[in-house]
């Protein structure tokens, strides 16, 4: 996925990501690499949150979307 993200970034496509730490889909190292590619402020890695970020951390999810789309 790294190559695809770098390709999108080179095309000036804005990339944002929200992941739950309890999801288990991505490791801390993978999230750190993602932050390095797209920027720390464009990635949220949330505590007490599984794969269903929009349910587990609804306020943080909505606030992040609002802030990113201003």
N, C-alpha and C. Protein backbone atom coordinates (compact mmCIF):
# COMPACT_ATOMS: atom_id res chain seq x y z
N UNK A 1 0.82 -1.19 0.00
CA UNK A 1 0.00 0.00 0.00
C UNK A 1 0.87 1.26 0.00
N UNK A 2 2.10 1.15 0.46
CA UNK A 2 2.99 2.30 0.54
C UNK A 2 3.16 2.96 -0.83
N UNK A 3 3.36 2.17 -1.85
CA UNK A 3 3.56 2.72 -3.19
C UNK A 3 2.33 3.48 -3.68
N UNK A 4 1.16 2.94 -3.39
CA UNK A 4 -0.07 3.59 -3.80
C UNK A 4 -0.25 4.93 -3.09
N UNK A 5 0.04 4.96 -1.80
CA UNK A 5 -0.06 6.20 -1.04
C UNK A 5 0.92 7.25 -1.55
N UNK A 6 2.13 6.83 -1.82
CA UNK A 6 3.13 7.76 -2.34
C UNK A 6 2.74 8.28 -3.71
N UNK A 7 2.14 7.42 -4.53
CA UNK A 7 1.66 7.84 -5.85
C UNK A 7 0.56 8.88 -5.72
N UNK A 8 -0.40 8.63 -4.83
CA UNK A 8 -1.48 9.60 -4.61
C UNK A 8 -0.93 10.93 -4.10
N UNK A 9 0.00 10.85 -3.17
CA UNK A 9 0.59 12.08 -2.63
C UNK A 9 1.32 12.86 -3.72
N UNK A 10 2.03 12.17 -4.59
CA UNK A 10 2.74 12.85 -5.67
C UNK A 10 1.79 13.54 -6.64
N UNK A 11 0.53 13.06 -6.68
CA UNK A 11 -0.50 13.66 -7.53
C UNK A 11 -1.29 14.73 -6.78
N UNK A 12 -0.81 15.08 -5.58
CA UNK A 12 -1.42 16.13 -4.75
C UNK A 12 -2.83 15.76 -4.25
N UNK A 13 -3.08 14.46 -4.07
CA UNK A 13 -4.35 13.99 -3.52
C UNK A 13 -4.24 14.03 -2.00
N UNK A 14 -5.19 14.69 -1.34
CA UNK A 14 -5.19 14.71 0.13
C UNK A 14 -5.58 13.33 0.66
N UNK A 15 -4.82 12.86 1.62
CA UNK A 15 -5.05 11.54 2.21
C UNK A 15 -5.22 11.72 3.71
N UNK A 16 -6.28 11.15 4.25
CA UNK A 16 -6.56 11.20 5.68
C UNK A 16 -6.86 9.79 6.16
N UNK A 17 -6.54 9.50 7.42
CA UNK A 17 -6.76 8.15 7.93
C UNK A 17 -7.16 8.19 9.40
N UNK A 18 -8.09 7.33 9.76
CA UNK A 18 -8.50 7.17 11.16
C UNK A 18 -8.52 5.67 11.44
N UNK A 19 -7.74 5.25 12.42
CA UNK A 19 -7.67 3.84 12.78
C UNK A 19 -7.84 3.68 14.28
N UNK A 20 -8.41 2.56 14.68
CA UNK A 20 -8.53 2.21 16.09
C UNK A 20 -7.37 1.34 16.52
N UNK A 21 -6.78 1.65 17.65
CA UNK A 21 -5.63 0.89 18.14
C UNK A 21 -5.99 -0.56 18.46
N UNK A 22 -7.22 -0.81 18.83
CA UNK A 22 -7.64 -2.16 19.18
C UNK A 22 -8.12 -2.96 17.96
N UNK A 23 -8.06 -2.37 16.79
CA UNK A 23 -8.47 -3.05 15.57
C UNK A 23 -7.54 -4.22 15.26
N UNK A 24 -6.25 -3.98 15.37
CA UNK A 24 -5.28 -5.03 15.08
C UNK A 24 -4.96 -5.16 13.61
N UNK A 25 -5.57 -4.35 12.77
CA UNK A 25 -5.35 -4.43 11.33
C UNK A 25 -3.96 -3.92 10.96
N UNK A 26 -3.52 -2.84 11.60
CA UNK A 26 -2.20 -2.26 11.32
C UNK A 26 -1.40 -2.15 12.60
N UNK A 27 -0.11 -2.36 12.50
CA UNK A 27 0.79 -2.24 13.66
C UNK A 27 1.14 -0.78 13.89
N UNK A 28 1.71 -0.51 15.06
CA UNK A 28 2.18 0.85 15.37
C UNK A 28 3.20 1.31 14.34
N UNK A 29 4.04 0.39 13.90
CA UNK A 29 5.06 0.72 12.91
C UNK A 29 4.44 1.10 11.57
N UNK A 30 3.40 0.40 11.18
CA UNK A 30 2.71 0.73 9.92
C UNK A 30 2.03 2.09 10.01
N UNK A 31 1.44 2.39 11.15
CA UNK A 31 0.80 3.70 11.34
C UNK A 31 1.86 4.80 11.31
N UNK A 32 3.02 4.55 11.92
CA UNK A 32 4.11 5.54 11.90
C UNK A 32 4.58 5.78 10.46
N UNK A 33 4.66 4.73 9.68
CA UNK A 33 5.06 4.88 8.28
C UNK A 33 4.01 5.67 7.49
N UNK A 34 2.75 5.41 7.77
CA UNK A 34 1.67 6.16 7.13
C UNK A 34 1.78 7.64 7.48
N UNK A 35 2.03 7.94 8.75
CA UNK A 35 2.20 9.34 9.18
C UNK A 35 3.36 10.00 8.45
N UNK A 36 4.43 9.25 8.25
CA UNK A 36 5.58 9.80 7.53
C UNK A 36 5.23 10.13 6.08
N UNK A 37 4.36 9.36 5.49
CA UNK A 37 3.97 9.58 4.08
C UNK A 37 2.99 10.74 3.95
N UNK A 38 1.91 10.72 4.74
CA UNK A 38 0.83 11.69 4.54
C UNK A 38 0.88 12.88 5.51
N UNK A 39 1.63 12.75 6.58
CA UNK A 39 1.71 13.82 7.58
C UNK A 39 0.99 13.44 8.86
N UNK A 40 1.62 13.73 9.96
CA UNK A 40 1.09 13.37 11.28
C UNK A 40 -0.30 13.92 11.54
N UNK A 41 -0.56 15.14 11.08
CA UNK A 41 -1.85 15.78 11.35
C UNK A 41 -2.99 15.17 10.54
N UNK A 42 -2.68 14.31 9.59
CA UNK A 42 -3.71 13.71 8.75
C UNK A 42 -4.03 12.27 9.14
N UNK A 43 -3.47 11.83 10.26
CA UNK A 43 -3.69 10.46 10.73
C UNK A 43 -4.12 10.49 12.18
N UNK A 44 -5.21 9.81 12.48
CA UNK A 44 -5.68 9.64 13.86
C UNK A 44 -5.58 8.16 14.20
N UNK A 45 -4.94 7.84 15.31
CA UNK A 45 -4.79 6.46 15.78
C UNK A 45 -5.38 6.44 17.18
N UNK A 46 -6.62 6.02 17.30
CA UNK A 46 -7.43 6.26 18.50
C UNK A 46 -7.41 5.11 19.51
N UNK A 47 -7.30 5.50 20.78
CA UNK A 47 -7.40 4.56 21.91
C UNK A 47 -8.84 4.09 22.06
N UNK A 48 -9.00 2.95 22.71
CA UNK A 48 -10.33 2.40 23.01
C UNK A 48 -11.21 2.37 21.78
N UNK A 49 -10.64 1.87 20.71
CA UNK A 49 -11.34 1.92 19.44
C UNK A 49 -10.96 0.70 18.60
N UNK A 50 -11.97 0.05 18.05
CA UNK A 50 -11.73 -1.12 17.21
C UNK A 50 -11.83 -0.71 15.74
N UNK A 51 -12.28 -1.64 14.92
CA UNK A 51 -12.42 -1.40 13.48
C UNK A 51 -13.55 -0.41 13.19
N UNK A 52 -14.52 -0.34 14.08
CA UNK A 52 -15.69 0.54 13.90
C UNK A 52 -15.45 1.90 14.54
N UNK A 53 -14.51 2.63 13.98
CA UNK A 53 -14.11 3.92 14.54
C UNK A 53 -15.30 4.86 14.71
N UNK A 54 -16.15 4.89 13.71
CA UNK A 54 -17.30 5.82 13.74
C UNK A 54 -18.31 5.47 14.82
N UNK A 55 -18.24 4.26 15.37
CA UNK A 55 -19.12 3.87 16.48
C UNK A 55 -18.38 4.03 17.81
N UNK A 56 -17.16 3.49 17.88
CA UNK A 56 -16.40 3.48 19.12
C UNK A 56 -15.97 4.87 19.58
N UNK A 57 -15.62 5.73 18.64
CA UNK A 57 -15.16 7.08 18.97
C UNK A 57 -15.87 8.08 18.06
N UNK A 58 -17.18 8.09 18.15
CA UNK A 58 -18.00 8.88 17.24
C UNK A 58 -17.65 10.37 17.25
N UNK A 59 -17.50 10.96 18.42
CA UNK A 59 -17.18 12.39 18.48
C UNK A 59 -15.84 12.70 17.83
N UNK A 60 -14.82 11.90 18.14
CA UNK A 60 -13.50 12.12 17.55
C UNK A 60 -13.55 11.92 16.03
N UNK A 61 -14.29 10.94 15.59
CA UNK A 61 -14.44 10.67 14.16
C UNK A 61 -15.07 11.88 13.45
N UNK A 62 -16.18 12.35 13.97
CA UNK A 62 -16.89 13.48 13.36
C UNK A 62 -16.05 14.76 13.43
N UNK A 63 -15.43 15.02 14.56
CA UNK A 63 -14.59 16.22 14.69
C UNK A 63 -13.41 16.19 13.74
N UNK A 64 -12.82 15.03 13.57
CA UNK A 64 -11.69 14.91 12.63
C UNK A 64 -12.15 15.22 11.22
N UNK A 65 -13.26 14.66 10.82
CA UNK A 65 -13.78 14.93 9.47
C UNK A 65 -14.09 16.41 9.28
N UNK A 66 -14.71 17.01 10.29
CA UNK A 66 -15.03 18.44 10.20
C UNK A 66 -13.76 19.28 10.04
N UNK A 67 -12.75 18.98 10.84
CA UNK A 67 -11.49 19.74 10.79
C UNK A 67 -10.78 19.55 9.46
N UNK A 68 -10.76 18.33 8.96
CA UNK A 68 -10.06 18.05 7.70
C UNK A 68 -10.76 18.65 6.49
N UNK A 69 -12.06 18.85 6.57
CA UNK A 69 -12.80 19.31 5.38
C UNK A 69 -13.15 20.79 5.43
N UNK A 70 -12.57 21.52 6.33
CA UNK A 70 -12.83 22.97 6.42
C UNK A 70 -12.37 23.67 5.17
